C-alpha cells in the first residue's frame, strides 16, 4: 500500500511539473548553458567580448520557436537544440540570450510554446 501511495505522489508531482508553463530568469540562465554545445555569454559578456575583439558578432537577432515538450525543462532542451543548430549554421561557436517567453497556445494556460531570442558569435 505504501508503494502505491509513494507512486501516486510521484505521479502527482510530475503532473504538476509538466503543467508549468514558464521558468524564472535564473532557472533559464542556469539550465540553458547545460543543454547547449555552444558557449553561453550573458549580454554584457557578449558586448565586452565583441568590443575587445575576442568574439565576432555573426547574427545579432535570431528568434526560434522551440517544439513543445512535456515539461518546461524539455521545452528548454528543445530550444537549446535550435540554438545549437543556428550557431552551427551561422559558422559560430557561441551565443547570447536576448529574451525568452512561453507563449500560450490558443488561449490555453496549460499549453505554451517557448520562443527564444538570441545572437550568434564566433569566439576565440
PDB file of N, CA and C in Angstrom:
ATOM      1  N   UNK A   1       0.815  -1.200   0.000  1.00  0.00           N
ATOM      2  CA  UNK A   1       0.000   0.000   0.000  1.00  0.00           C
ATOM      3  C   UNK A   1       0.853   1.255   0.000  1.00  0.00           C
ATOM      4  N   UNK A   2       1.958   1.201   0.778  1.00  0.00           N
ATOM      5  CA  UNK A   2       2.839   2.362   0.857  1.00  0.00           C
ATOM      6  C   UNK A   2       3.466   2.636  -0.503  1.00  0.00           C
ATOM      7  N   UNK A   3       3.802   1.572  -1.243  1.00  0.00           N
ATOM      8  CA  UNK A   3       4.393   1.755  -2.576  1.00  0.00           C
ATOM      9  C   UNK A   3       3.429   2.473  -3.513  1.00  0.00           C
ATOM     10  N   UNK A   4       2.157   2.125  -3.467  1.00  0.00           N
ATOM     11  CA  UNK A   4       1.176   2.762  -4.332  1.00  0.00           C
ATOM     12  C   UNK A   4       0.994   4.233  -3.973  1.00  0.00           C
ATOM     13  N   UNK A   5       1.004   4.537  -2.683  1.00  0.00           N
ATOM     14  CA  UNK A   5       0.896   5.931  -2.236  1.00  0.00           C
ATOM     15  C   UNK A   5       2.104   6.716  -2.701  1.00  0.00           C
ATOM     16  N   UNK A   6       3.287   6.132  -2.553  1.00  0.00           N
ATOM     17  CA  UNK A   6       4.526   6.767  -2.988  1.00  0.00           C
ATOM     18  C   UNK A   6       4.492   7.013  -4.496  1.00  0.00           C
ATOM     19  N   UNK A   7       4.060   6.025  -5.252  1.00  0.00           N
ATOM     20  CA  UNK A   7       3.963   6.153  -6.705  1.00  0.00           C
ATOM     21  C   UNK A   7       2.951   7.228  -7.096  1.00  0.00           C
ATOM     22  N   UNK A   8       1.829   7.298  -6.399  1.00  0.00           N
ATOM     23  CA  UNK A   8       0.812   8.315  -6.677  1.00  0.00           C
ATOM     24  C   UNK A   8       1.356   9.717  -6.417  1.00  0.00           C
ATOM     25  N   UNK A   9       2.126   9.883  -5.350  1.00  0.00           N
ATOM     26  CA  UNK A   9       2.718  11.187  -5.036  1.00  0.00           C
ATOM     27  C   UNK A   9       3.706  11.584  -6.123  1.00  0.00           C
ATOM     28  N   UNK A  10       4.533  10.661  -6.565  1.00  0.00           N
ATOM     29  CA  UNK A  10       5.495  10.949  -7.629  1.00  0.00           C
ATOM     30  C   UNK A  10       4.776  11.334  -8.917  1.00  0.00           C
ATOM     31  N   UNK A  11       3.737  10.603  -9.277  1.00  0.00           N
ATOM     32  CA  UNK A  11       2.962  10.923 -10.482  1.00  0.00           C
ATOM     33  C   UNK A  11       2.313  12.294 -10.366  1.00  0.00           C
ATOM     34  N   UNK A  12       1.799  12.621  -9.199  1.00  0.00           N
ATOM     35  CA  UNK A  12       1.169  13.925  -8.981  1.00  0.00           C
ATOM     36  C   UNK A  12       2.187  15.052  -9.131  1.00  0.00           C
ATOM     37  N   UNK A  13       3.371  14.876  -8.559  1.00  0.00           N
ATOM     38  CA  UNK A  13       4.427  15.897  -8.673  1.00  0.00           C
ATOM     39  C   UNK A  13       4.843  16.052 -10.124  1.00  0.00           C
ATOM     40  N   UNK A  14       5.005  14.947 -10.849  1.00  0.00           N
ATOM     41  CA  UNK A  14       5.361  15.013 -12.262  1.00  0.00           C
ATOM     42  C   UNK A  14       4.287  15.737 -13.054  1.00  0.00           C
ATOM     43  N   UNK A  15       3.046  15.449 -12.755  1.00  0.00           N
ATOM     44  CA  UNK A  15       1.940  16.102 -13.450  1.00  0.00           C
ATOM     45  C   UNK A  15       1.954  17.604 -13.205  1.00  0.00           C
ATOM     46  N   UNK A  16       2.157  18.021 -11.976  1.00  0.00           N
ATOM     47  CA  UNK A  16       2.232  19.449 -11.671  1.00  0.00           C
ATOM     48  C   UNK A  16       3.403  20.102 -12.383  1.00  0.00           C
ATOM     49  N   UNK A  17       4.527  19.408 -12.410  1.00  0.00           N
ATOM     50  CA  UNK A  17       5.716  19.935 -13.069  1.00  0.00           C
ATOM     51  C   UNK A  17       5.503  20.079 -14.570  1.00  0.00           C
ATOM     52  N   UNK A  18       4.835  19.135 -15.188  1.00  0.00           N
ATOM     53  CA  UNK A  18       4.629  19.185 -16.629  1.00  0.00           C
ATOM     54  C   UNK A  18       3.589  20.230 -17.023  1.00  0.00           C
ATOM     55  N   UNK A  19       2.768  20.676 -16.084  1.00  0.00           N
ATOM     56  CA  UNK A  19       1.775  21.705 -16.372  1.00  0.00           C
ATOM     57  C   UNK A  19       2.353  23.115 -16.259  1.00  0.00           C
ATOM     58  N   UNK A  20       3.524  23.237 -15.684  1.00  0.00           N
ATOM     59  CA  UNK A  20       4.145  24.556 -15.566  1.00  0.00           C
ATOM     60  C   UNK A  20       4.415  25.094 -16.963  1.00  0.00           C
ATOM     61  N   UNK A  21       4.212  26.387 -17.138  1.00  0.00           N
ATOM     62  CA  UNK A  21       4.357  26.960 -18.473  1.00  0.00           C
ATOM     63  C   UNK A  21       5.438  28.019 -18.552  1.00  0.00           C
ATOM     64  N   UNK A  22       6.296  28.105 -17.546  1.00  0.00           N
ATOM     65  CA  UNK A  22       7.401  29.051 -17.614  1.00  0.00           C
ATOM     66  C   UNK A  22       8.445  28.717 -16.564  1.00  0.00           C
ATOM     67  N   UNK A  23       9.571  29.412 -16.660  1.00  0.00           N
ATOM     68  CA  UNK A  23      10.662  29.289 -15.698  1.00  0.00           C
ATOM     69  C   UNK A  23      11.108  30.688 -15.329  1.00  0.00           C
ATOM     70  N   UNK A  24      11.745  30.800 -14.189  1.00  0.00           N
ATOM     71  CA  UNK A  24      12.284  32.093 -13.785  1.00  0.00           C
ATOM     72  C   UNK A  24      13.547  32.395 -14.605  1.00  0.00           C
ATOM     73  N   UNK A  25      13.943  33.662 -14.684  1.00  0.00           N
ATOM     74  CA  UNK A  25      15.163  34.004 -15.425  1.00  0.00           C
ATOM     75  C   UNK A  25      16.402  33.268 -14.907  1.00  0.00           C
ATOM     76  N   UNK A  26      16.529  33.121 -13.601  1.00  0.00           N
ATOM     77  CA  UNK A  26      17.711  32.426 -13.075  1.00  0.00           C
ATOM     78  C   UNK A  26      17.695  30.944 -13.453  1.00  0.00           C
ATOM     79  N   UNK A  27      16.521  30.333 -13.485  1.00  0.00           N
ATOM     80  CA  UNK A  27      16.432  28.934 -13.908  1.00  0.00           C
ATOM     81  C   UNK A  27      16.863  28.782 -15.365  1.00  0.00           C
ATOM     82  N   UNK A  28      16.369  29.677 -16.219  1.00  0.00           N
ATOM     83  CA  UNK A  28      16.738  29.611 -17.642  1.00  0.00           C
ATOM     84  C   UNK A  28      18.238  29.832 -17.800  1.00  0.00           C
ATOM     85  N   UNK A  29      18.792  30.856 -17.147  1.00  0.00           N
ATOM     86  CA  UNK A  29      20.224  31.149 -17.275  1.00  0.00           C
ATOM     87  C   UNK A  29      21.108  30.049 -16.704  1.00  0.00           C
ATOM     88  N   UNK A  30      20.614  29.297 -15.739  1.00  0.00           N
ATOM     89  CA  UNK A  30      21.390  28.185 -15.184  1.00  0.00           C
ATOM     90  C   UNK A  30      21.276  26.922 -16.029  1.00  0.00           C
ATOM     91  N   UNK A  31      20.095  26.655 -16.574  1.00  0.00           N
ATOM     92  CA  UNK A  31      19.874  25.408 -17.307  1.00  0.00           C
ATOM     93  C   UNK A  31      20.268  25.469 -18.780  1.00  0.00           C
ATOM     94  N   UNK A  32      19.987  26.574 -19.440  1.00  0.00           N
ATOM     95  CA  UNK A  32      20.225  26.649 -20.888  1.00  0.00           C
ATOM     96  C   UNK A  32      21.669  26.324 -21.267  1.00  0.00           C
ATOM     97  N   UNK A  33      22.678  26.884 -20.585  1.00  0.00           N
ATOM     98  CA  UNK A  33      24.054  26.535 -20.956  1.00  0.00           C
ATOM     99  C   UNK A  33      24.382  25.050 -20.799  1.00  0.00           C
ATOM    100  N   UNK A  34      23.698  24.370 -19.897  1.00  0.00           N
ATOM    101  CA  UNK A  34      23.911  22.929 -19.719  1.00  0.00           C
ATOM    102  C   UNK A  34      23.381  22.133 -20.908  1.00  0.00           C
ATOM    103  N   UNK A  35      22.381  22.664 -21.570  1.00  0.00           N
ATOM    104  CA  UNK A  35      21.726  21.947 -22.663  1.00  0.00           C
ATOM    105  C   UNK A  35      22.317  22.265 -24.036  1.00  0.00           C
ATOM    106  N   UNK A  36      23.182  23.269 -24.136  1.00  0.00           N
ATOM    107  CA  UNK A  36      23.737  23.653 -25.437  1.00  0.00           C
ATOM    108  C   UNK A  36      25.192  23.227 -25.558  1.00  0.00           C
ATOM    109  N   UNK A  37      25.639  23.095 -26.795  1.00  0.00           N
ATOM    110  CA  UNK A  37      27.044  22.787 -27.074  1.00  0.00           C
ATOM    111  C   UNK A  37      27.845  24.078 -27.221  1.00  0.00           C
ATOM    112  N   UNK A  38      27.217  25.126 -27.748  1.00  0.00           N
ATOM    113  CA  UNK A  38      27.888  26.408 -27.919  1.00  0.00           C
ATOM    114  C   UNK A  38      28.154  27.065 -26.574  1.00  0.00           C
ATOM    115  N   UNK A  39      29.133  27.965 -26.558  1.00  0.00           N
ATOM    116  CA  UNK A  39      29.460  28.675 -25.315  1.00  0.00           C
ATOM    117  C   UNK A  39      28.428  29.766 -25.076  1.00  0.00           C
ATOM    118  N   UNK A  40      27.918  29.811 -23.858  1.00  0.00           N
ATOM    119  CA  UNK A  40      26.916  30.797 -23.460  1.00  0.00           C
ATOM    120  C   UNK A  40      27.601  32.043 -22.919  1.00  0.00           C
ATOM    121  N   UNK A  41      27.174  33.208 -23.404  1.00  0.00           N
ATOM    122  CA  UNK A  41      27.615  34.505 -22.892  1.00  0.00           C
ATOM    123  C   UNK A  41      26.391  35.276 -22.424  1.00  0.00           C
ATOM    124  N   UNK A  42      26.507  35.986 -21.325  1.00  0.00           N
ATOM    125  CA  UNK A  42      25.446  36.920 -20.954  1.00  0.00           C
ATOM    126  C   UNK A  42      25.518  38.068 -21.960  1.00  0.00           C
ATOM    127  N   UNK A  43      24.499  38.900 -22.007  1.00  0.00           N
ATOM    128  CA  UNK A  43      24.525  40.021 -22.948  1.00  0.00           C
ATOM    129  C   UNK A  43      25.703  40.954 -22.671  1.00  0.00           C
ATOM    130  N   UNK A  44      25.969  41.204 -21.413  1.00  0.00           N
ATOM    131  CA  UNK A  44      27.085  42.085 -21.041  1.00  0.00           C
ATOM    132  C   UNK A  44      28.419  41.456 -21.437  1.00  0.00           C
ATOM    133  N   UNK A  45      28.589  40.166 -21.149  1.00  0.00           N
ATOM    134  CA  UNK A  45      29.820  39.472 -21.530  1.00  0.00           C
ATOM    135  C   UNK A  45      29.996  39.481 -23.049  1.00  0.00           C
ATOM    136  N   UNK A  46      28.901  39.286 -23.779  1.00  0.00           N
ATOM    137  CA  UNK A  46      28.973  39.280 -25.237  1.00  0.00           C
ATOM    138  C   UNK A  46      29.412  40.644 -25.762  1.00  0.00           C
ATOM    139  N   UNK A  47      28.815  41.707 -25.249  1.00  0.00           N
ATOM    140  CA  UNK A  47      29.182  43.060 -25.681  1.00  0.00           C
ATOM    141  C   UNK A  47      30.659  43.339 -25.407  1.00  0.00           C
ATOM    142  N   UNK A  48      31.127  42.967 -24.216  1.00  0.00           N
ATOM    143  CA  UNK A  48      32.530  43.189 -23.851  1.00  0.00           C
ATOM    144  C   UNK A  48      33.465  42.370 -24.729  1.00  0.00           C
ATOM    145  N   UNK A  49      33.112  41.124 -25.015  1.00  0.00           N
ATOM    146  CA  UNK A  49      33.940  40.255 -25.850  1.00  0.00           C
ATOM    147  C   UNK A  49      34.003  40.758 -27.292  1.00  0.00           C
ATOM    148  N   UNK A  50      32.905  41.286 -27.779  1.00  0.00           N
ATOM    149  CA  UNK A  50      32.885  41.836 -29.142  1.00  0.00           C
ATOM    150  C   UNK A  50      33.738  43.097 -29.203  1.00  0.00           C
ATOM    151  N   UNK A  51      33.603  43.980 -28.210  1.00  0.00           N
ATOM    152  CA  UNK A  51      34.390  45.218 -28.168  1.00  0.00           C
ATOM    153  C   UNK A  51      35.892  44.943 -28.062  1.00  0.00           C
ATOM    154  N   UNK A  52      36.250  43.946 -27.276  1.00  0.00           N
ATOM    155  CA  UNK A  52      37.672  43.638 -27.066  1.00  0.00           C
ATOM    156  C   UNK A  52      38.273  42.823 -28.215  1.00  0.00           C
ATOM    157  N   UNK A  53      37.441  42.344 -29.122  1.00  0.00           N
ATOM    158  CA  UNK A  53      37.925  41.563 -30.250  1.00  0.00           C
ATOM    159  C   UNK A  53      38.016  40.070 -29.983  1.00  0.00           C
ATOM    160  N   UNK A  54      37.583  39.636 -28.820  1.00  0.00           N
ATOM    161  CA  UNK A  54      37.610  38.204 -28.501  1.00  0.00           C
ATOM    162  C   UNK A  54      36.535  37.417 -29.233  1.00  0.00           C
ATOM    163  N   UNK A  55      35.470  38.110 -29.617  1.00  0.00           N
ATOM    164  CA  UNK A  55      34.371  37.478 -30.352  1.00  0.00           C
ATOM    165  C   UNK A  55      33.956  38.373 -31.515  1.00  0.00           C
ATOM    166  N   UNK A  56      33.467  37.727 -32.559  1.00  0.00           N
ATOM    167  CA  UNK A  56      32.914  38.441 -33.708  1.00  0.00           C
ATOM    168  C   UNK A  56      31.412  38.165 -33.733  1.00  0.00           C
ATOM    169  N   UNK A  57      30.630  39.225 -33.794  1.00  0.00           N
ATOM    170  CA  UNK A  57      29.178  39.074 -33.877  1.00  0.00           C
ATOM    171  C   UNK A  57      28.809  38.574 -35.264  1.00  0.00           C
ATOM    172  N   UNK A  58      28.083  37.464 -35.320  1.00  0.00           N
ATOM    173  CA  UNK A  58      27.653  36.908 -36.607  1.00  0.00           C
ATOM    174  C   UNK A  58      26.227  37.338 -36.936  1.00  0.00           C
ATOM    175  N   UNK A  59      25.308  37.078 -36.038  1.00  0.00           N
ATOM    176  CA  UNK A  59      23.909  37.471 -36.207  1.00  0.00           C
ATOM    177  C   UNK A  59      23.425  38.017 -34.870  1.00  0.00           C
ATOM    178  N   UNK A  60      22.926  39.242 -34.877  1.00  0.00           N
ATOM    179  CA  UNK A  60      22.531  39.869 -33.610  1.00  0.00           C
ATOM    180  C   UNK A  60      21.137  39.484 -33.158  1.00  0.00           C
ATOM    181  N   UNK A  61      20.275  39.118 -34.093  1.00  0.00           N
ATOM    182  CA  UNK A  61      18.893  38.817 -33.703  1.00  0.00           C
ATOM    183  C   UNK A  61      18.364  37.575 -34.401  1.00  0.00           C
ATOM    184  N   UNK A  62      18.308  36.510 -33.647  1.00  0.00           N
ATOM    185  CA  UNK A  62      17.668  35.273 -34.093  1.00  0.00           C
ATOM    186  C   UNK A  62      16.461  35.052 -33.205  1.00  0.00           C
ATOM    187  N   UNK A  63      15.434  34.460 -33.765  1.00  0.00           N
ATOM    188  CA  UNK A  63      14.249  34.094 -32.995  1.00  0.00           C
ATOM    189  C   UNK A  63      13.920  32.651 -33.351  1.00  0.00           C
ATOM    190  N   UNK A  64      13.762  31.830 -32.323  1.00  0.00           N
ATOM    191  CA  UNK A  64      13.481  30.413 -32.538  1.00  0.00           C
ATOM    192  C   UNK A  64      12.319  29.975 -31.664  1.00  0.00           C
ATOM    193  N   UNK A  65      11.340  29.328 -32.278  1.00  0.00           N
ATOM    194  CA  UNK A  65      10.214  28.758 -31.543  1.00  0.00           C
ATOM    195  C   UNK A  65      10.474  27.276 -31.373  1.00  0.00           C
ATOM    196  N   UNK A  66      10.687  26.887 -30.133  1.00  0.00           N
ATOM    197  CA  UNK A  66      11.041  25.501 -29.831  1.00  0.00           C
ATOM    198  C   UNK A  66       9.823  24.589 -29.914  1.00  0.00           C
ATOM    199  N   UNK A  67      10.028  23.360 -30.363  1.00  0.00           N
ATOM    200  CA  UNK A  67       8.931  22.386 -30.311  1.00  0.00           C
ATOM    201  C   UNK A  67       8.477  22.202 -28.862  1.00  0.00           C
ATOM    202  N   UNK A  68       7.198  21.987 -28.692  1.00  0.00           N
ATOM    203  CA  UNK A  68       6.632  21.846 -27.350  1.00  0.00           C
ATOM    204  C   UNK A  68       7.007  20.497 -26.763  1.00  0.00           C
ATOM    205  N   UNK A  69       7.530  20.529 -25.532  1.00  0.00           N
ATOM    206  CA  UNK A  69       7.897  19.308 -24.818  1.00  0.00           C
ATOM    207  C   UNK A  69       6.843  18.965 -23.779  1.00  0.00           C
ATOM    208  N   UNK A  70       7.135  17.960 -22.970  1.00  0.00           N
ATOM    209  CA  UNK A  70       6.178  17.562 -21.937  1.00  0.00           C
ATOM    210  C   UNK A  70       6.356  18.349 -20.648  1.00  0.00           C
ATOM    211  N   UNK A  71       7.444  19.125 -20.567  1.00  0.00           N
ATOM    212  CA  UNK A  71       7.689  19.965 -19.391  1.00  0.00           C
ATOM    213  C   UNK A  71       8.458  21.207 -19.820  1.00  0.00           C
ATOM    214  N   UNK A  72       8.586  22.166 -18.926  1.00  0.00           N
ATOM    215  CA  UNK A  72       9.351  23.371 -19.262  1.00  0.00           C
ATOM    216  C   UNK A  72      10.819  23.016 -19.499  1.00  0.00           C
ATOM    217  N   UNK A  73      11.325  22.050 -18.774  1.00  0.00           N
ATOM    218  CA  UNK A  73      12.705  21.620 -18.967  1.00  0.00           C
ATOM    219  C   UNK A  73      12.905  21.022 -20.354  1.00  0.00           C
ATOM    220  N   UNK A  74      11.966  20.217 -20.804  1.00  0.00           N
ATOM    221  CA  UNK A  74      12.082  19.648 -22.153  1.00  0.00           C
ATOM    222  C   UNK A  74      11.866  20.726 -23.219  1.00  0.00           C
ATOM    223  N   UNK A  75      11.044  21.726 -22.941  1.00  0.00           N
ATOM    224  CA  UNK A  75      10.919  22.871 -23.846  1.00  0.00           C
ATOM    225  C   UNK A  75      12.282  23.545 -24.005  1.00  0.00           C
ATOM    226  N   UNK A  76      12.963  23.741 -22.872  1.00  0.00           N
ATOM    227  CA  UNK A  76      14.265  24.404 -22.884  1.00  0.00           C
ATOM    228  C   UNK A  76      15.304  23.555 -23.618  1.00  0.00           C
ATOM    229  N   UNK A  77      15.253  22.243 -23.441  1.00  0.00           N
ATOM    230  CA  UNK A  77      16.158  21.349 -24.181  1.00  0.00           C
ATOM    231  C   UNK A  77      15.909  21.456 -25.681  1.00  0.00           C
ATOM    232  N   UNK A  78      14.641  21.522 -26.066  1.00  0.00           N
ATOM    233  CA  UNK A  78      14.299  21.676 -27.487  1.00  0.00           C
ATOM    234  C   UNK A  78      14.798  23.025 -28.010  1.00  0.00           C
ATOM    235  N   UNK A  79      14.664  24.056 -27.199  1.00  0.00           N
ATOM    236  CA  UNK A  79      15.179  25.365 -27.576  1.00  0.00           C
ATOM    237  C   UNK A  79      16.687  25.360 -27.715  1.00  0.00           C
ATOM    238  N   UNK A  80      17.361  24.653 -26.823  1.00  0.00           N
ATOM    239  CA  UNK A  80      18.827  24.555 -26.872  1.00  0.00           C
ATOM    240  C   UNK A  80      19.284  23.890 -28.170  1.00  0.00           C
ATOM    241  N   UNK A  81      18.559  22.871 -28.599  1.00  0.00           N
ATOM    242  CA  UNK A  81      18.896  22.214 -29.871  1.00  0.00           C
ATOM    243  C   UNK A  81      18.790  23.200 -31.027  1.00  0.00           C
ATOM    244  N   UNK A  82      17.747  24.028 -31.001  1.00  0.00           N
ATOM    245  CA  UNK A  82      17.581  25.039 -32.048  1.00  0.00           C
ATOM    246  C   UNK A  82      18.694  26.069 -32.022  1.00  0.00           C
ATOM    247  N   UNK A  83      19.088  26.506 -30.830  1.00  0.00           N
ATOM    248  CA  UNK A  83      20.195  27.455 -30.709  1.00  0.00           C
ATOM    249  C   UNK A  83      21.464  26.839 -31.288  1.00  0.00           C
ATOM    250  N   UNK A  84      21.759  25.600 -30.913  1.00  0.00           N
ATOM    251  CA  UNK A  84      22.958  24.929 -31.425  1.00  0.00           C
ATOM    252  C   UNK A  84      22.934  24.821 -32.952  1.00  0.00           C
ATOM    253  N   UNK A  85      21.778  24.533 -33.501  1.00  0.00           N
ATOM    254  CA  UNK A  85      21.678  24.433 -34.961  1.00  0.00           C
ATOM    255  C   UNK A  85      21.973  25.782 -35.621  1.00  0.00           C
ATOM    256  N   UNK A  86      21.406  26.864 -35.081  1.00  0.00           N
ATOM    257  CA  UNK A  86      21.646  28.180 -35.655  1.00  0.00           C
ATOM    258  C   UNK A  86      23.089  28.628 -35.471  1.00  0.00           C
ATOM    259  N   UNK A  87      23.676  28.358 -34.318  1.00  0.00           N
ATOM    260  CA  UNK A  87      25.089  28.698 -34.096  1.00  0.00           C
ATOM    261  C   UNK A  87      25.940  27.987 -35.142  1.00  0.00           C
ATOM    262  N   UNK A  88      25.659  26.716 -35.377  1.00  0.00           N
ATOM    263  CA  UNK A  88      26.385  25.934 -36.364  1.00  0.00           C
ATOM    264  C   UNK A  88      26.170  26.476 -37.781  1.00  0.00           C
ATOM    265  N   UNK A  89      24.934  26.745 -38.145  1.00  0.00           N
ATOM    266  CA  UNK A  89      24.623  27.268 -39.478  1.00  0.00           C
ATOM    267  C   UNK A  89      25.317  28.610 -39.717  1.00  0.00           C
ATOM    268  N   UNK A  90      25.367  29.446 -38.675  1.00  0.00           N
ATOM    269  CA  UNK A  90      25.998  30.766 -38.802  1.00  0.00           C
ATOM    270  C   UNK A  90      27.524  30.680 -38.818  1.00  0.00           C
ATOM    271  N   UNK A  91      28.076  29.505 -38.536  1.00  0.00           N
ATOM    272  CA  UNK A  91      29.525  29.335 -38.521  1.00  0.00           C
ATOM    273  C   UNK A  91      30.165  29.792 -37.224  1.00  0.00           C
ATOM    274  N   UNK A  92      29.391  29.782 -36.143  1.00  0.00           N
ATOM    275  CA  UNK A  92      29.904  30.254 -34.863  1.00  0.00           C
ATOM    276  C   UNK A  92      30.156  29.136 -33.877  1.00  0.00           C
ATOM    277  N   UNK A  93      30.445  29.567 -32.648  1.00  0.00           N
ATOM    278  CA  UNK A  93      30.663  28.608 -31.570  1.00  0.00           C
ATOM    279  C   UNK A  93      30.125  29.123 -30.229  1.00  0.00           C
ATOM    280  N   UNK A  94      29.415  30.258 -30.287  1.00  0.00           N
ATOM    281  CA  UNK A  94      28.909  30.869 -29.051  1.00  0.00           C
ATOM    282  C   UNK A  94      27.600  31.602 -29.340  1.00  0.00           C
ATOM    283  N   UNK A  95      26.890  31.899 -28.250  1.00  0.00           N
ATOM    284  CA  UNK A  95      25.619  32.611 -28.373  1.00  0.00           C
ATOM    285  C   UNK A  95      25.363  33.417 -27.118  1.00  0.00           C
ATOM    286  N   UNK A  96      24.452  34.366 -27.233  1.00  0.00           N
ATOM    287  CA  UNK A  96      23.984  35.109 -26.062  1.00  0.00           C
ATOM    288  C   UNK A  96      22.476  35.184 -26.121  1.00  0.00           C
ATOM    289  N   UNK A  97      21.865  35.095 -24.957  1.00  0.00           N
ATOM    290  CA  UNK A  97      20.414  35.114 -24.827  1.00  0.00           C
ATOM    291  C   UNK A  97      19.940  36.556 -24.722  1.00  0.00           C
ATOM    292  N   UNK A  98      19.008  36.933 -25.576  1.00  0.00           N
ATOM    293  CA  UNK A  98      18.441  38.284 -25.517  1.00  0.00           C
ATOM    294  C   UNK A  98      17.123  38.281 -24.757  1.00  0.00           C
ATOM    295  N   UNK A  99      16.290  37.291 -25.024  1.00  0.00           N
ATOM    296  CA  UNK A  99      14.973  37.227 -24.409  1.00  0.00           C
ATOM    297  C   UNK A  99      14.404  35.825 -24.603  1.00  0.00           C
ATOM    298  N   UNK A 100      13.443  35.484 -23.787  1.00  0.00           N
ATOM    299  CA  UNK A 100      12.718  34.234 -23.949  1.00  0.00           C
ATOM    300  C   UNK A 100      11.306  34.443 -23.419  1.00  0.00           C
ATOM    301  N   UNK A 101      10.384  33.621 -23.910  1.00  0.00           N
ATOM    302  CA  UNK A 101       8.996  33.758 -23.476  1.00  0.00           C
ATOM    303  C   UNK A 101       8.231  32.493 -23.809  1.00  0.00           C
ATOM    304  N   UNK A 102       7.416  32.047 -22.868  1.00  0.00           N
ATOM    305  CA  UNK A 102       6.481  30.968 -23.149  1.00  0.00           C
ATOM    306  C   UNK A 102       5.173  31.630 -23.571  1.00  0.00           C
ATOM    307  N   UNK A 103       4.762  31.370 -24.796  1.00  0.00           N
ATOM    308  CA  UNK A 103       3.558  31.987 -25.338  1.00  0.00           C
ATOM    309  C   UNK A 103       2.418  30.969 -25.305  1.00  0.00           C
ATOM    310  N   UNK A 104       1.325  31.302 -24.592  1.00  0.00           N
ATOM    311  CA  UNK A 104       0.188  30.377 -24.529  1.00  0.00           C
ATOM    312  C   UNK A 104      -0.386  30.106 -25.928  1.00  0.00           C
ATOM    313  N   UNK A 105      -0.759  28.864 -26.153  1.00  0.00           N
ATOM    314  CA  UNK A 105      -1.337  28.476 -27.438  1.00  0.00           C
ATOM    315  C   UNK A 105      -2.852  28.445 -27.347  1.00  0.00           C
ATOM    316  N   UNK A 106      -3.494  29.046 -28.294  1.00  0.00           N
ATOM    317  CA  UNK A 106      -4.956  29.042 -28.387  1.00  0.00           C
ATOM    318  C   UNK A 106      -5.629  29.450 -27.085  1.00  0.00           C
ATOM    319  N   UNK A 107      -5.014  30.347 -26.350  1.00  0.00           N
ATOM    320  CA  UNK A 107      -5.599  30.833 -25.109  1.00  0.00           C
ATOM    321  C   UNK A 107      -5.583  29.825 -23.975  1.00  0.00           C
ATOM    322  N   UNK A 108      -4.943  28.672 -24.185  1.00  0.00           N
ATOM    323  CA  UNK A 108      -4.891  27.643 -23.139  1.00  0.00           C
ATOM    324  C   UNK A 108      -3.718  27.920 -22.215  1.00  0.00           C
ATOM    325  N   UNK A 109      -3.979  28.029 -20.944  1.00  0.00           N
ATOM    326  CA  UNK A 109      -2.937  28.296 -19.955  1.00  0.00           C
ATOM    327  C   UNK A 109      -1.988  27.103 -19.798  1.00  0.00           C
ATOM    328  N   UNK A 110      -2.479  25.888 -20.039  1.00  0.00           N
ATOM    329  CA  UNK A 110      -1.677  24.700 -19.789  1.00  0.00           C
ATOM    330  C   UNK A 110      -0.754  24.338 -20.948  1.00  0.00           C
ATOM    331  N   UNK A 111      -0.902  24.966 -22.096  1.00  0.00           N
ATOM    332  CA  UNK A 111      -0.056  24.676 -23.250  1.00  0.00           C
ATOM    333  C   UNK A 111       0.589  25.955 -23.722  1.00  0.00           C
ATOM    334  N   UNK A 112       1.927  25.953 -23.761  1.00  0.00           N
ATOM    335  CA  UNK A 112       2.648  27.141 -24.186  1.00  0.00           C
ATOM    336  C   UNK A 112       3.870  26.722 -24.990  1.00  0.00           C
ATOM    337  N   UNK A 113       4.283  27.603 -25.892  1.00  0.00           N
ATOM    338  CA  UNK A 113       5.448  27.338 -26.723  1.00  0.00           C
ATOM    339  C   UNK A 113       6.555  28.319 -26.374  1.00  0.00           C
ATOM    340  N   UNK A 114       7.754  27.798 -26.208  1.00  0.00           N
ATOM    341  CA  UNK A 114       8.911  28.617 -25.861  1.00  0.00           C
ATOM    342  C   UNK A 114       9.459  29.312 -27.099  1.00  0.00           C
ATOM    343  N   UNK A 115       9.596  30.623 -27.012  1.00  0.00           N
ATOM    344  CA  UNK A 115      10.239  31.408 -28.060  1.00  0.00           C
ATOM    345  C   UNK A 115      11.504  32.016 -27.464  1.00  0.00           C
ATOM    346  N   UNK A 116      12.630  31.813 -28.149  1.00  0.00           N
ATOM    347  CA  UNK A 116      13.928  32.286 -27.667  1.00  0.00           C
ATOM    348  C   UNK A 116      14.491  33.283 -28.678  1.00  0.00           C
ATOM    349  N   UNK A 117      14.948  34.427 -28.157  1.00  0.00           N
ATOM    350  CA  UNK A 117      15.641  35.421 -28.970  1.00  0.00           C
ATOM    351  C   UNK A 117      17.095  35.427 -28.526  1.00  0.00           C
ATOM    352  N   UNK A 118      18.010  35.305 -29.491  1.00  0.00           N
ATOM    353  CA  UNK A 118      19.417  35.197 -29.161  1.00  0.00           C
ATOM    354  C   UNK A 118      20.273  35.717 -30.312  1.00  0.00           C
ATOM    355  N   UNK A 119      21.548  35.847 -30.066  1.00  0.00           N
ATOM    356  CA  UNK A 119      22.514  36.227 -31.085  1.00  0.00           C
ATOM    357  C   UNK A 119      23.594  35.173 -31.159  1.00  0.00           C
ATOM    358  N   UNK A 120      24.261  35.093 -32.321  1.00  0.00           N
ATOM    359  CA  UNK A 120      25.345  34.109 -32.504  1.00  0.00           C
ATOM    360  C   UNK A 120      26.669  34.837 -32.698  1.00  0.00           C
ATOM    361  N   UNK A 121      27.737  34.176 -32.250  1.00  0.00           N
ATOM    362  CA  UNK A 121      29.059  34.760 -32.324  1.00  0.00           C
ATOM    363  C   UNK A 121      30.107  33.697 -32.654  1.00  0.00           C
ATOM    364  N   UNK A 122      31.250  34.160 -33.134  1.00  0.00           N
ATOM    365  CA  UNK A 122      32.430  33.321 -33.313  1.00  0.00           C
ATOM    366  C   UNK A 122      33.484  33.867 -32.355  1.00  0.00           C
ATOM    367  N   UNK A 123      33.877  33.046 -31.402  1.00  0.00           N
ATOM    368  CA  UNK A 123      34.822  33.481 -30.363  1.00  0.00           C
ATOM    369  C   UNK A 123      36.116  32.670 -30.416  1.00  0.00           C
ATOM    370  N   UNK A 124      37.184  33.292 -29.951  1.00  0.00           N
ATOM    371  CA  UNK A 124      38.496  32.611 -29.899  1.00  0.00           C
ATOM    372  C   UNK A 124      38.467  31.484 -28.905  1.00  0.00           C
TER     373      UNK A 124
END
